[in-house]
Amino acid sequence: FPIEKLYGEVVLVRLDSVLLLDPLGLFSCSRKRTLSTIKYLYKAGGK
């Protein structure tokens, strides 16, 4: 998806809260990808 088209757009991201808040860190790779996606969308100007 072209990054310039994300600016100002509302982007729905479905995430599993276990990935972010798992106290044992079993999903650390998935957590990094999830956070990376959210940060990418945010920095591109997406809501």
PDB file of all heavy atoms in Angstrom:
ATOM      1  N   PHE A   1       0.844  -1.194   0.000  1.00  0.00           N
ATOM      2  CA  PHE A   1       0.000   0.000   0.000  1.00  0.00           C
ATOM      3  C   PHE A   1       0.882   1.247   0.000  1.00  0.00           C
ATOM      4  O   PHE A   1       1.808   1.354   0.806  1.00  0.00           O
ATOM      5  CB  PHE A   1      -0.903  -0.003   1.238  1.00  0.00           C
ATOM      6  CG  PHE A   1      -2.041   0.936   1.147  1.00  0.00           C
ATOM      7  CD1 PHE A   1      -3.202   0.568   0.488  1.00  0.00           C
ATOM      8  CD2 PHE A   1      -1.973   2.189   1.726  1.00  0.00           C
ATOM      9  CE1 PHE A   1      -4.277   1.425   0.407  1.00  0.00           C
ATOM     10  CE2 PHE A   1      -3.039   3.063   1.651  1.00  0.00           C
ATOM     11  CZ  PHE A   1      -4.195   2.677   0.987  1.00  0.00           C
ATOM     12  N   PRO A   2       0.613   2.210  -0.891  1.00  0.00           N
ATOM     13  CA  PRO A   2       1.429   3.432  -0.949  1.00  0.00           C
ATOM     14  C   PRO A   2       1.350   4.228   0.353  1.00  0.00           C
ATOM     15  O   PRO A   2       0.264   4.565   0.808  1.00  0.00           O
ATOM     16  CB  PRO A   2       0.817   4.228  -2.102  1.00  0.00           C
ATOM     17  CG  PRO A   2      -0.021   3.261  -2.859  1.00  0.00           C
ATOM     18  CD  PRO A   2      -0.429   2.201  -1.913  1.00  0.00           C
ATOM     19  N   ILE A   3       2.485   4.533   0.933  1.00  0.00           N
ATOM     20  CA  ILE A   3       2.539   5.216   2.227  1.00  0.00           C
ATOM     21  C   ILE A   3       1.867   6.587   2.176  1.00  0.00           C
ATOM     22  O   ILE A   3       1.239   7.013   3.140  1.00  0.00           O
ATOM     23  CB  ILE A   3       3.983   5.318   2.750  1.00  0.00           C
ATOM     24  CG1 ILE A   3       3.995   5.756   4.215  1.00  0.00           C
ATOM     25  CG2 ILE A   3       4.817   6.240   1.887  1.00  0.00           C
ATOM     26  CD1 ILE A   3       5.334   5.631   4.886  1.00  0.00           C
ATOM     27  N   GLU A   4       1.969   7.272   1.057  1.00  0.00           N
ATOM     28  CA  GLU A   4       1.377   8.613   0.962  1.00  0.00           C
ATOM     29  C   GLU A   4      -0.153   8.580   1.033  1.00  0.00           C
ATOM     30  O   GLU A   4      -0.784   9.585   1.363  1.00  0.00           O
ATOM     31  CB  GLU A   4       1.842   9.339  -0.309  1.00  0.00           C
ATOM     32  CG  GLU A   4       1.470   8.643  -1.604  1.00  0.00           C
ATOM     33  CD  GLU A   4       2.462   7.585  -2.058  1.00  0.00           C
ATOM     34  OE1 GLU A   4       3.470   7.340  -1.389  1.00  0.00           O
ATOM     35  OE2 GLU A   4       2.186   7.001  -3.116  1.00  0.00           O
ATOM     36  N   LYS A   5      -0.754   7.447   0.771  1.00  0.00           N
ATOM     37  CA  LYS A   5      -2.208   7.330   0.852  1.00  0.00           C
ATOM     38  C   LYS A   5      -2.698   7.062   2.272  1.00  0.00           C
ATOM     39  O   LYS A   5      -3.892   7.079   2.532  1.00  0.00           O
ATOM     40  CB  LYS A   5      -2.712   6.232  -0.085  1.00  0.00           C
ATOM     41  CG  LYS A   5      -2.601   6.600  -1.542  1.00  0.00           C
ATOM     42  CD  LYS A   5      -3.301   5.585  -2.394  1.00  0.00           C
ATOM     43  CE  LYS A   5      -3.265   6.023  -3.857  1.00  0.00           C
ATOM     44  NZ  LYS A   5      -4.011   5.093  -4.708  1.00  0.00           N
ATOM     45  N   LEU A   6      -1.795   6.824   3.200  1.00  0.00           N
ATOM     46  CA  LEU A   6      -2.176   6.558   4.583  1.00  0.00           C
ATOM     47  C   LEU A   6      -2.459   7.833   5.371  1.00  0.00           C
ATOM     48  O   LEU A   6      -3.200   7.812   6.350  1.00  0.00           O
ATOM     49  CB  LEU A   6      -1.079   5.760   5.295  1.00  0.00           C
ATOM     50  CG  LEU A   6      -0.896   4.331   4.836  1.00  0.00           C
ATOM     51  CD1 LEU A   6       0.350   3.727   5.474  1.00  0.00           C
ATOM     52  CD2 LEU A   6      -2.121   3.512   5.167  1.00  0.00           C
ATOM     53  N   TYR A   7      -1.887   8.945   4.949  1.00  0.00           N
ATOM     54  CA  TYR A   7      -2.012  10.187   5.701  1.00  0.00           C
ATOM     55  C   TYR A   7      -3.481  10.584   5.852  1.00  0.00           C
ATOM     56  O   TYR A   7      -4.210  10.714   4.871  1.00  0.00           O
ATOM     57  CB  TYR A   7      -1.236  11.327   5.022  1.00  0.00           C
ATOM     58  CG  TYR A   7      -1.249  12.584   5.850  1.00  0.00           C
ATOM     59  CD1 TYR A   7      -0.367  12.729   6.906  1.00  0.00           C
ATOM     60  CD2 TYR A   7      -2.162  13.584   5.600  1.00  0.00           C
ATOM     61  CE1 TYR A   7      -0.378  13.863   7.681  1.00  0.00           C
ATOM     62  CE2 TYR A   7      -2.189  14.727   6.375  1.00  0.00           C
ATOM     63  CZ  TYR A   7      -1.295  14.859   7.419  1.00  0.00           C
ATOM     64  OH  TYR A   7      -1.327  15.980   8.197  1.00  0.00           O
ATOM     65  N   GLY A   8      -3.903  10.744   7.094  1.00  0.00           N
ATOM     66  CA  GLY A   8      -5.262  11.177   7.388  1.00  0.00           C
ATOM     67  C   GLY A   8      -6.316  10.077   7.326  1.00  0.00           C
ATOM     68  O   GLY A   8      -7.473  10.310   7.660  1.00  0.00           O
ATOM     69  N   GLU A   9      -5.924   8.896   6.914  1.00  0.00           N
ATOM     70  CA  GLU A   9      -6.877   7.790   6.810  1.00  0.00           C
ATOM     71  C   GLU A   9      -7.023   7.070   8.148  1.00  0.00           C
ATOM     72  O   GLU A   9      -6.071   6.974   8.915  1.00  0.00           O
ATOM     73  CB  GLU A   9      -6.425   6.777   5.756  1.00  0.00           C
ATOM     74  CG  GLU A   9      -6.433   7.316   4.349  1.00  0.00           C
ATOM     75  CD  GLU A   9      -7.824   7.667   3.850  1.00  0.00           C
ATOM     76  OE1 GLU A   9      -8.780   6.950   4.178  1.00  0.00           O
ATOM     77  OE2 GLU A   9      -7.938   8.675   3.132  1.00  0.00           O
ATOM     78  N   VAL A  10      -8.211   6.581   8.414  1.00  0.00           N
ATOM     79  CA  VAL A  10      -8.441   5.767   9.599  1.00  0.00           C
ATOM     80  C   VAL A  10      -8.106   4.327   9.234  1.00  0.00           C
ATOM     81  O   VAL A  10      -8.628   3.789   8.260  1.00  0.00           O
ATOM     82  CB  VAL A  10      -9.904   5.870  10.075  1.00  0.00           C
ATOM     83  CG1 VAL A  10     -10.146   4.946  11.259  1.00  0.00           C
ATOM     84  CG2 VAL A  10     -10.250   7.307  10.430  1.00  0.00           C
ATOM     85  N   VAL A  11      -7.215   3.731  10.013  1.00  0.00           N
ATOM     86  CA  VAL A  11      -6.764   2.370   9.741  1.00  0.00           C
ATOM     87  C   VAL A  11      -7.137   1.492  10.937  1.00  0.00           C
ATOM     88  O   VAL A  11      -6.725   1.758  12.066  1.00  0.00           O
ATOM     89  CB  VAL A  11      -5.238   2.314   9.504  1.00  0.00           C
ATOM     90  CG1 VAL A  11      -4.803   0.909   9.169  1.00  0.00           C
ATOM     91  CG2 VAL A  11      -4.824   3.289   8.427  1.00  0.00           C
ATOM     92  N   LEU A  12      -7.925   0.468  10.696  1.00  0.00           N
ATOM     93  CA  LEU A  12      -8.342  -0.465  11.732  1.00  0.00           C
ATOM     94  C   LEU A  12      -7.307  -1.579  11.849  1.00  0.00           C
ATOM     95  O   LEU A  12      -6.975  -2.229  10.864  1.00  0.00           O
ATOM     96  CB  LEU A  12      -9.706  -1.060  11.373  1.00  0.00           C
ATOM     97  CG  LEU A  12     -10.277  -2.066  12.344  1.00  0.00           C
ATOM     98  CD1 LEU A  12     -10.749  -1.354  13.603  1.00  0.00           C
ATOM     99  CD2 LEU A  12     -11.436  -2.802  11.698  1.00  0.00           C
ATOM    100  N   VAL A  13      -6.780  -1.756  13.054  1.00  0.00           N
ATOM    101  CA  VAL A  13      -5.787  -2.795  13.306  1.00  0.00           C
ATOM    102  C   VAL A  13      -6.354  -3.725  14.373  1.00  0.00           C
ATOM    103  O   VAL A  13      -6.648  -3.304  15.490  1.00  0.00           O
ATOM    104  CB  VAL A  13      -4.442  -2.214  13.793  1.00  0.00           C
ATOM    105  CG1 VAL A  13      -3.456  -3.319  14.133  1.00  0.00           C
ATOM    106  CG2 VAL A  13      -3.865  -1.270  12.759  1.00  0.00           C
ATOM    107  N   ARG A  14      -6.511  -4.984  14.026  1.00  0.00           N
ATOM    108  CA  ARG A  14      -6.991  -5.990  14.968  1.00  0.00           C
ATOM    109  C   ARG A  14      -5.767  -6.627  15.604  1.00  0.00           C
ATOM    110  O   ARG A  14      -4.874  -7.109  14.920  1.00  0.00           O
ATOM    111  CB  ARG A  14      -7.800  -7.024  14.199  1.00  0.00           C
ATOM    112  CG  ARG A  14      -8.622  -8.117  14.859  1.00  0.00           C
ATOM    113  CD  ARG A  14      -8.335  -8.503  16.160  1.00  0.00           C
ATOM    114  NE  ARG A  14      -8.988  -9.702  16.671  1.00  0.00           N
ATOM    115  CZ  ARG A  14      -8.435 -10.365  17.649  1.00  0.00           C
ATOM    116  NH1 ARG A  14      -7.266 -10.015  18.102  1.00  0.00           N
ATOM    117  NH2 ARG A  14      -9.044 -11.380  18.171  1.00  0.00           N
ATOM    118  N   LEU A  15      -5.690  -6.553  16.931  1.00  0.00           N
ATOM    119  CA  LEU A  15      -4.550  -7.147  17.602  1.00  0.00           C
ATOM    120  C   LEU A  15      -5.001  -7.964  18.790  1.00  0.00           C
ATOM    121  O   LEU A  15      -6.067  -7.737  19.341  1.00  0.00           O
ATOM    122  CB  LEU A  15      -3.530  -6.091  18.033  1.00  0.00           C
ATOM    123  CG  LEU A  15      -3.935  -5.185  19.179  1.00  0.00           C
ATOM    124  CD1 LEU A  15      -3.112  -5.534  20.397  1.00  0.00           C
ATOM    125  CD2 LEU A  15      -3.729  -3.742  18.798  1.00  0.00           C
ATOM    126  N   ASP A  16      -4.189  -8.895  19.158  1.00  0.00           N
ATOM    127  CA  ASP A  16      -4.449  -9.713  20.327  1.00  0.00           C
ATOM    128  C   ASP A  16      -3.666  -9.097  21.483  1.00  0.00           C
ATOM    129  O   ASP A  16      -2.441  -9.009  21.428  1.00  0.00           O
ATOM    130  CB  ASP A  16      -3.992 -11.142  20.051  1.00  0.00           C
ATOM    131  CG  ASP A  16      -4.396 -12.107  21.139  1.00  0.00           C
ATOM    132  OD1 ASP A  16      -4.786 -11.648  22.235  1.00  0.00           O
ATOM    133  OD2 ASP A  16      -4.326 -13.316  20.901  1.00  0.00           O
ATOM    134  N   SER A  17      -4.358  -8.671  22.521  1.00  0.00           N
ATOM    135  CA  SER A  17      -3.691  -8.011  23.643  1.00  0.00           C
ATOM    136  C   SER A  17      -2.664  -8.921  24.313  1.00  0.00           C
ATOM    137  O   SER A  17      -1.721  -8.448  24.930  1.00  0.00           O
ATOM    138  CB  SER A  17      -4.718  -7.533  24.667  1.00  0.00           C
ATOM    139  OG  SER A  17      -5.514  -8.615  25.102  1.00  0.00           O
ATOM    140  N   VAL A  18      -2.811 -10.216  24.162  1.00  0.00           N
ATOM    141  CA  VAL A  18      -1.840 -11.155  24.721  1.00  0.00           C
ATOM    142  C   VAL A  18      -0.463 -10.935  24.094  1.00  0.00           C
ATOM    143  O   VAL A  18       0.564 -11.054  24.761  1.00  0.00           O
ATOM    144  CB  VAL A  18      -2.301 -12.619  24.515  1.00  0.00           C
ATOM    145  CG1 VAL A  18      -1.250 -13.600  24.986  1.00  0.00           C
ATOM    146  CG2 VAL A  18      -3.609 -12.855  25.232  1.00  0.00           C
ATOM    147  N   LEU A  19      -0.425 -10.586  22.820  1.00  0.00           N
ATOM    148  CA  LEU A  19       0.859 -10.350  22.157  1.00  0.00           C
ATOM    149  C   LEU A  19       1.632  -9.224  22.811  1.00  0.00           C
ATOM    150  O   LEU A  19       2.846  -9.294  22.957  1.00  0.00           O
ATOM    151  CB  LEU A  19       0.638 -10.003  20.681  1.00  0.00           C
ATOM    152  CG  LEU A  19       0.158 -11.097  19.765  1.00  0.00           C
ATOM    153  CD1 LEU A  19      -0.040 -10.540  18.359  1.00  0.00           C
ATOM    154  CD2 LEU A  19       1.126 -12.253  19.742  1.00  0.00           C
ATOM    155  N   LEU A  20       0.929  -8.178  23.187  1.00  0.00           N
ATOM    156  CA  LEU A  20       1.606  -7.016  23.765  1.00  0.00           C
ATOM    157  C   LEU A  20       1.875  -7.158  25.253  1.00  0.00           C
ATOM    158  O   LEU A  20       2.831  -6.606  25.767  1.00  0.00           O
ATOM    159  CB  LEU A  20       0.762  -5.759  23.534  1.00  0.00           C
ATOM    160  CG  LEU A  20       0.565  -5.344  22.090  1.00  0.00           C
ATOM    161  CD1 LEU A  20      -0.359  -4.152  22.017  1.00  0.00           C
ATOM    162  CD2 LEU A  20       1.891  -5.028  21.445  1.00  0.00           C
ATOM    163  N   LEU A  21       1.015  -7.890  25.938  1.00  0.00           N
ATOM    164  CA  LEU A  21       1.089  -7.883  27.388  1.00  0.00           C
ATOM    165  C   LEU A  21       1.432  -9.226  28.009  1.00  0.00           C
ATOM    166  O   LEU A  21       1.322  -9.400  29.207  1.00  0.00           O
ATOM    167  CB  LEU A  21      -0.252  -7.389  27.944  1.00  0.00           C
ATOM    168  CG  LEU A  21      -0.647  -6.017  27.413  1.00  0.00           C
ATOM    169  CD1 LEU A  21      -2.069  -5.690  27.811  1.00  0.00           C
ATOM    170  CD2 LEU A  21       0.300  -4.960  27.907  1.00  0.00           C
ATOM    171  N   ASP A  22       1.850 -10.164  27.208  1.00  0.00           N
ATOM    172  CA  ASP A  22       2.209 -11.481  27.708  1.00  0.00           C
ATOM    173  C   ASP A  22       3.374 -11.361  28.685  1.00  0.00           C
ATOM    174  O   ASP A  22       4.470 -10.948  28.300  1.00  0.00           O
ATOM    175  CB  ASP A  22       2.589 -12.398  26.541  1.00  0.00           C
ATOM    176  CG  ASP A  22       3.099 -13.739  27.008  1.00  0.00           C
ATOM    177  OD1 ASP A  22       2.516 -14.278  27.964  1.00  0.00           O
ATOM    178  OD2 ASP A  22       4.069 -14.233  26.427  1.00  0.00           O
ATOM    179  N   PRO A  23       3.156 -11.696  29.949  1.00  0.00           N
ATOM    180  CA  PRO A  23       4.221 -11.516  30.942  1.00  0.00           C
ATOM    181  C   PRO A  23       5.418 -12.446  30.735  1.00  0.00           C
ATOM    182  O   PRO A  23       6.503 -12.159  31.195  1.00  0.00           O
ATOM    183  CB  PRO A  23       3.516 -11.826  32.269  1.00  0.00           C
ATOM    184  CG  PRO A  23       2.365 -12.679  31.900  1.00  0.00           C
ATOM    185  CD  PRO A  23       1.949 -12.259  30.511  1.00  0.00           C
ATOM    186  N   LEU A  24       5.227 -13.538  30.027  1.00  0.00           N
ATOM    187  CA  LEU A  24       6.324 -14.482  29.817  1.00  0.00           C
ATOM    188  C   LEU A  24       7.137 -14.192  28.569  1.00  0.00           C
ATOM    189  O   LEU A  24       8.176 -14.793  28.352  1.00  0.00           O
ATOM    190  CB  LEU A  24       5.769 -15.915  29.753  1.00  0.00           C
ATOM    191  CG  LEU A  24       5.006 -16.375  30.990  1.00  0.00           C
ATOM    192  CD1 LEU A  24       4.417 -17.761  30.757  1.00  0.00           C
ATOM    193  CD2 LEU A  24       5.891 -16.359  32.212  1.00  0.00           C
ATOM    194  N   GLY A  25       6.664 -13.297  27.731  1.00  0.00           N
ATOM    195  CA  GLY A  25       7.385 -12.938  26.522  1.00  0.00           C
ATOM    196  C   GLY A  25       7.420 -14.032  25.474  1.00  0.00           C
ATOM    197  O   GLY A  25       8.329 -14.076  24.658  1.00  0.00           O
ATOM    198  N   LEU A  26       6.437 -14.920  25.492  1.00  0.00           N
ATOM    199  CA  LEU A  26       6.416 -16.028  24.541  1.00  0.00           C
ATOM    200  C   LEU A  26       6.195 -15.567  23.106  1.00  0.00           C
ATOM    201  O   LEU A  26       6.543 -16.264  22.173  1.00  0.00           O
ATOM    202  CB  LEU A  26       5.326 -17.040  24.935  1.00  0.00           C
ATOM    203  CG  LEU A  26       5.497 -17.710  26.290  1.00  0.00           C
ATOM    204  CD1 LEU A  26       4.280 -18.566  26.609  1.00  0.00           C
ATOM    205  CD2 LEU A  26       6.760 -18.561  26.309  1.00  0.00           C
ATOM    206  N   PHE A  27       5.604 -14.392  22.966  1.00  0.00           N
ATOM    207  CA  PHE A  27       5.254 -13.895  21.637  1.00  0.00           C
ATOM    208  C   PHE A  27       6.102 -12.682  21.258  1.00  0.00           C
ATOM    209  O   PHE A  27       5.641 -11.786  20.567  1.00  0.00           O
ATOM    210  CB  PHE A  27       3.773 -13.516  21.596  1.00  0.00           C
ATOM    211  CG  PHE A  27       2.852 -14.632  21.959  1.00  0.00           C
ATOM    212  CD1 PHE A  27       2.236 -14.666  23.194  1.00  0.00           C
ATOM    213  CD2 PHE A  27       2.606 -15.661  21.068  1.00  0.00           C
ATOM    214  CE1 PHE A  27       1.371 -15.703  23.535  1.00  0.00           C
ATOM    215  CE2 PHE A  27       1.757 -16.701  21.395  1.00  0.00           C
ATOM    216  CZ  PHE A  27       1.134 -16.723  22.636  1.00  0.00           C
ATOM    217  N   SER A  28       7.349 -12.637  21.688  1.00  0.00           N
ATOM    218  CA  SER A  28       8.163 -11.435  21.493  1.00  0.00           C
ATOM    219  C   SER A  28       8.352 -11.078  20.021  1.00  0.00           C
ATOM    220  O   SER A  28       8.354  -9.907  19.662  1.00  0.00           O
ATOM    221  CB  SER A  28       9.504 -11.563  22.197  1.00  0.00           C
ATOM    222  OG  SER A  28      10.240 -12.630  21.653  1.00  0.00           O
ATOM    223  N   CYS A  29       8.489 -12.056  19.143  1.00  0.00           N
ATOM    224  CA  CYS A  29       8.652 -11.779  17.713  1.00  0.00           C
ATOM    225  C   CYS A  29       7.366 -11.177  17.141  1.00  0.00           C
ATOM    226  O   CYS A  29       7.402 -10.184  16.420  1.00  0.00           O
ATOM    227  CB  CYS A  29       9.029 -13.053  16.970  1.00  0.00           C
ATOM    228  SG  CYS A  29       9.447 -12.785  15.247  1.00  0.00           S
ATOM    229  N   SER A  30       6.248 -11.755  17.486  1.00  0.00           N
ATOM    230  CA  SER A  30       4.961 -11.222  17.041  1.00  0.00           C
ATOM    231  C   SER A  30       4.718  -9.839  17.628  1.00  0.00           C
ATOM    232  O   SER A  30       4.156  -8.967  16.983  1.00  0.00           O
ATOM    233  CB  SER A  30       3.822 -12.156  17.452  1.00  0.00           C
ATOM    234  OG  SER A  30       3.931 -13.378  16.780  1.00  0.00           O
ATOM    235  N   ARG A  31       5.127  -9.643  18.869  1.00  0.00           N
ATOM    236  CA  ARG A  31       4.964  -8.340  19.523  1.00  0.00           C
ATOM    237  C   ARG A  31       5.748  -7.271  18.772  1.00  0.00           C
ATOM    238  O   ARG A  31       5.242  -6.182  18.524  1.00  0.00           O
ATOM    239  CB  ARG A  31       5.447  -8.433  20.964  1.00  0.00           C
ATOM    240  CG  ARG A  31       5.358  -7.134  21.716  1.00  0.00           C
ATOM    241  CD  ARG A  31       5.948  -7.239  23.094  1.00  0.00           C
ATOM    242  NE  ARG A  31       6.220  -8.612  23.431  1.00  0.00           N
ATOM    243  CZ  ARG A  31       6.161  -9.122  24.647  1.00  0.00           C
ATOM    244  NH1 ARG A  31       5.875  -8.359  25.649  1.00  0.00           N
ATOM    245  NH2 ARG A  31       6.439 -10.383  24.873  1.00  0.00           N
ATOM    246  N   LYS A  32       6.973  -7.581  18.370  1.00  0.00           N
ATOM    247  CA  LYS A  32       7.792  -6.613  17.633  1.00  0.00           C
ATOM    248  C   LYS A  32       7.148  -6.258  16.298  1.00  0.00           C
ATOM    249  O   LYS A  32       7.116  -5.098  15.898  1.00  0.00           O
ATOM    250  CB  LYS A  32       9.197  -7.171  17.406  1.00  0.00           C
ATOM    251  CG  LYS A  32      10.033  -7.216  18.658  1.00  0.00           C
ATOM    252  CD  LYS A  32      11.378  -7.841  18.381  1.00  0.00           C
ATOM    253  CE  LYS A  32      12.153  -8.006  19.672  1.00  0.00           C
ATOM    254  NZ  LYS A  32      13.426  -8.695  19.477  1.00  0.00           N
ATOM    255  N   ARG A  33       6.618  -7.263  15.600  1.00  0.00           N
ATOM    256  CA  ARG A  33       5.957  -6.998  14.317  1.00  0.00           C
ATOM    257  C   ARG A  33       4.695  -6.166  14.506  1.00  0.00           C
ATOM    258  O   ARG A  33       4.424  -5.258  13.723  1.00  0.00           O
ATOM    259  CB  ARG A  33       5.628  -8.319  13.614  1.00  0.00           C
ATOM    260  CG  ARG A  33       6.834  -8.989  13.014  1.00  0.00           C
ATOM    261  CD  ARG A  33       6.433 -10.124  12.092  1.00  0.00           C
ATOM    262  NE  ARG A  33       5.556 -11.073  12.760  1.00  0.00           N
ATOM    263  CZ  ARG A  33       5.890 -12.310  13.086  1.00  0.00           C
ATOM    264  NH1 ARG A  33       7.076 -12.765  12.777  1.00  0.00           N
ATOM    265  NH2 ARG A  33       5.049 -13.105  13.692  1.00  0.00           N
ATOM    266  N   THR A  34       3.933  -6.475  15.546  1.00  0.00           N
ATOM    267  CA  THR A  34       2.709  -5.728  15.818  1.00  0.00           C
ATOM    268  C   THR A  34       3.022  -4.274  16.125  1.00  0.00           C
ATOM    269  O   THR A  34       2.415  -3.359  15.554  1.00  0.00           O
ATOM    270  CB  THR A  34       1.939  -6.364  16.992  1.00  0.00           C
ATOM    271  OG1 THR A  34       1.611  -7.698  16.658  1.00  0.00           O
ATOM    272  CG2 THR A  34       0.692  -5.586  17.315  1.00  0.00           C
ATOM    273  N   LEU A  35       3.961  -4.043  17.016  1.00  0.00           N
ATOM    274  CA  LEU A  35       4.341  -2.671  17.365  1.00  0.00           C
ATOM    275  C   LEU A  35       4.934  -1.940  16.170  1.00  0.00           C
ATOM    276  O   LEU A  35       4.688  -0.750  15.976  1.00  0.00           O
ATOM    277  CB  LEU A  35       5.316  -2.668  18.539  1.00  0.00           C
ATOM    278  CG  LEU A  35       4.728  -3.105  19.873  1.00  0.00           C
ATOM    279  CD1 LEU A  35       5.822  -3.194  20.929  1.00  0.00           C
ATOM    280  CD2 LEU A  35       3.621  -2.169  20.316  1.00  0.00           C
ATOM    281  N   SER A  36       5.686  -2.645  15.363  1.00  0.00           N
ATOM    282  CA  SER A  36       6.272  -2.047  14.163  1.00  0.00           C
ATOM    283  C   SER A  36       5.178  -1.584  13.201  1.00  0.00           C
ATOM    284  O   SER A  36       5.264  -0.494  12.632  1.00  0.00           O
ATOM    285  CB  SER A  36       7.186  -3.066  13.488  1.00  0.00           C
ATOM    286  OG  SER A  36       7.671  -2.568  12.271  1.00  0.00           O
ATOM    287  N   THR A  37       4.152  -2.396  13.032  1.00  0.00           N
ATOM    288  CA  THR A  37       3.037  -2.032  12.147  1.00  0.00           C
ATOM    289  C   THR A  37       2.305  -0.807  12.667  1.00  0.00           C
ATOM    290  O   THR A  37       2.017   0.130  11.916  1.00  0.00           O
ATOM    291  CB  THR A  37       2.047  -3.214  12.021  1.00  0.00           C
ATOM    292  OG1 THR A  37       2.733  -4.314  11.419  1.00  0.00           O
ATOM    293  CG2 THR A  37       0.846  -2.841  11.182  1.00  0.00           C
ATOM    294  N   ILE A  38       2.016  -0.792  13.963  1.00  0.00           N
ATOM    295  CA  ILE A  38       1.305   0.348  14.559  1.00  0.00           C
ATOM    296  C   ILE A  38       2.136   1.621  14.420  1.00  0.00           C
ATOM    297  O   ILE A  38       1.624   2.679  14.043  1.00  0.00           O
ATOM    298  CB  ILE A  38       0.967   0.059  16.032  1.00  0.00           C
ATOM    299  CG1 ILE A  38      -0.028  -1.100  16.116  1.00  0.00           C
ATOM    300  CG2 ILE A  38       0.395   1.296  16.710  1.00  0.00           C
ATOM    301  CD1 ILE A  38      -0.224  -1.656  17.514  1.00  0.00           C
ATOM    302  N   LYS A  39       3.429   1.534  14.710  1.00  0.00           N
ATOM    303  CA  LYS A  39       4.306   2.696  14.586  1.00  0.00           C
ATOM    304  C   LYS A  39       4.384   3.184  13.140  1.00  0.00           C
ATOM    305  O   LYS A  39       4.360   4.383  12.879  1.00  0.00           O
ATOM    306  CB  LYS A  39       5.711   2.365  15.093  1.00  0.00           C
ATOM    307  CG  LYS A  39       5.802   2.250  16.583  1.00  0.00           C
ATOM    308  CD  LYS A  39       7.216   1.884  17.013  1.00  0.00           C
ATOM    309  CE  LYS A  39       7.316   1.687  18.492  1.00  0.00           C
ATOM    310  NZ  LYS A  39       8.665   1.340  18.929  1.00  0.00           N
ATOM    311  N   TYR A  40       4.482   2.272  12.210  1.00  0.00           N
ATOM    312  CA  TYR A  40       4.555   2.621  10.788  1.00  0.00           C
ATOM    313  C   TYR A  40       3.312   3.409  10.372  1.00  0.00           C
ATOM    314  O   TYR A  40       3.409   4.454   9.733  1.00  0.00           O
ATOM    315  CB  TYR A  40       4.688   1.341   9.962  1.00  0.00           C
ATOM    316  CG  TYR A  40       4.672   1.569   8.474  1.00  0.00           C
ATOM    317  CD1 TYR A  40       5.819   1.965   7.800  1.00  0.00           C
ATOM    318  CD2 TYR A  40       3.504   1.394   7.738  1.00  0.00           C
ATOM    319  CE1 TYR A  40       5.810   2.175   6.433  1.00  0.00           C
ATOM    320  CE2 TYR A  40       3.483   1.598   6.366  1.00  0.00           C
ATOM    321  CZ  TYR A  40       4.639   1.987   5.716  1.00  0.00           C
ATOM    322  OH  TYR A  40       4.622   2.196   4.371  1.00  0.00           O
ATOM    323  N   LEU A  41       2.147   2.898  10.740  1.00  0.00           N
ATOM    324  CA  LEU A  41       0.896   3.572  10.389  1.00  0.00           C
ATOM    325  C   LEU A  41       0.809   4.948  11.039  1.00  0.00           C
ATOM    326  O   LEU A  41       0.395   5.926  10.415  1.00  0.00           O
ATOM    327  CB  LEU A  41      -0.301   2.712  10.812  1.00  0.00           C
ATOM    328  CG  LEU A  41      -0.473   1.407  10.055  1.00  0.00           C
ATOM    329  CD1 LEU A  41      -1.496   0.525  10.751  1.00  0.00           C
ATOM    330  CD2 LEU A  41      -0.878   1.678   8.614  1.00  0.00           C
ATOM    331  N   TYR A  42       1.206   5.028  12.292  1.00  0.00           N
ATOM    332  CA  TYR A  42       1.154   6.292  13.023  1.00  0.00           C
ATOM    333  C   TYR A  42       2.094   7.328  12.407  1.00  0.00           C
ATOM    334  O   TYR A  42       1.713   8.473  12.175  1.00  0.00           O
ATOM    335  CB  TYR A  42       1.504   6.046  14.493  1.00  0.00           C
ATOM    336  CG  TYR A  42       1.481   7.295  15.331  1.00  0.00           C
ATOM    337  CD1 TYR A  42       0.279   7.852  15.735  1.00  0.00           C
ATOM    338  CD2 TYR A  42       2.656   7.907  15.719  1.00  0.00           C
ATOM    339  CE1 TYR A  42       0.254   9.002  16.504  1.00  0.00           C
ATOM    340  CE2 TYR A  42       2.653   9.055  16.487  1.00  0.00           C
ATOM    341  CZ  TYR A  42       1.444   9.594  16.876  1.00  0.00           C
ATOM    342  OH  TYR A  42       1.429  10.747  17.630  1.00  0.00           O
ATOM    343  N   LYS A  43       3.313   6.916  12.114  1.00  0.00           N
ATOM    344  CA  LYS A  43       4.295   7.837  11.530  1.00  0.00           C
ATOM    345  C   LYS A  43       3.917   8.256  10.110  1.00  0.00           C
ATOM    346  O   LYS A  43       4.309   9.318   9.651  1.00  0.00           O
ATOM    347  CB  LYS A  43       5.692   7.216  11.549  1.00  0.00           C
ATOM    348  CG  LYS A  43       6.268   7.148  12.943  1.00  0.00           C
ATOM    349  CD  LYS A  43       7.652   6.537  12.946  1.00  0.00           C
ATOM    350  CE  LYS A  43       8.185   6.488  14.355  1.00  0.00           C
ATOM    351  NZ  LYS A  43       9.530   5.908  14.412  1.00  0.00           N
ATOM    352  N   ALA A  44       3.141   7.410   9.425  1.00  0.00           N
ATOM    353  CA  ALA A  44       2.682   7.744   8.074  1.00  0.00           C
ATOM    354  C   ALA A  44       1.513   8.732   8.112  1.00  0.00           C
ATOM    355  O   ALA A  44       1.067   9.196   7.066  1.00  0.00           O
ATOM    356  CB  ALA A  44       2.267   6.483   7.330  1.00  0.00           C
ATOM    357  N   GLY A  45       1.048   9.055   9.311  1.00  0.00           N
ATOM    358  CA  GLY A  45      -0.045  10.018   9.438  1.00  0.00           C
ATOM    359  C   GLY A  45      -1.426   9.393   9.481  1.00  0.00           C
ATOM    360  O   GLY A  45      -2.424  10.088   9.420  1.00  0.00           O
ATOM    361  N   GLY A  46      -1.465   8.080   9.598  1.00  0.00           N
ATOM    362  CA  GLY A  46      -2.749   7.397   9.696  1.00  0.00           C
ATOM    363  C   GLY A  46      -3.322   7.520  11.097  1.00  0.00           C
ATOM    364  O   GLY A  46      -2.598   7.681  12.070  1.00  0.00           O
ATOM    365  N   LYS A  47      -4.623   7.484  11.190  1.00  0.00           N
ATOM    366  CA  LYS A  47      -5.308   7.483  12.483  1.00  0.00           C
ATOM    367  C   LYS A  47      -5.574   6.023  12.817  1.00  0.00           C
ATOM    368  O   LYS A  47      -6.419   5.384  12.215  1.00  0.00           O
ATOM    369  CB  LYS A  47      -6.598   8.283  12.400  1.00  0.00           C
ATOM    370  CG  LYS A  47      -6.339   9.730  12.078  1.00  0.00           C
ATOM    371  CD  LYS A  47      -7.610  10.479  11.847  1.00  0.00           C
ATOM    372  CE  LYS A  47      -7.248  11.904  11.440  1.00  0.00           C
ATOM    373  NZ  LYS A  47      -8.381  12.637  10.969  1.00  0.00           N
TER     374      LYS A  47
END
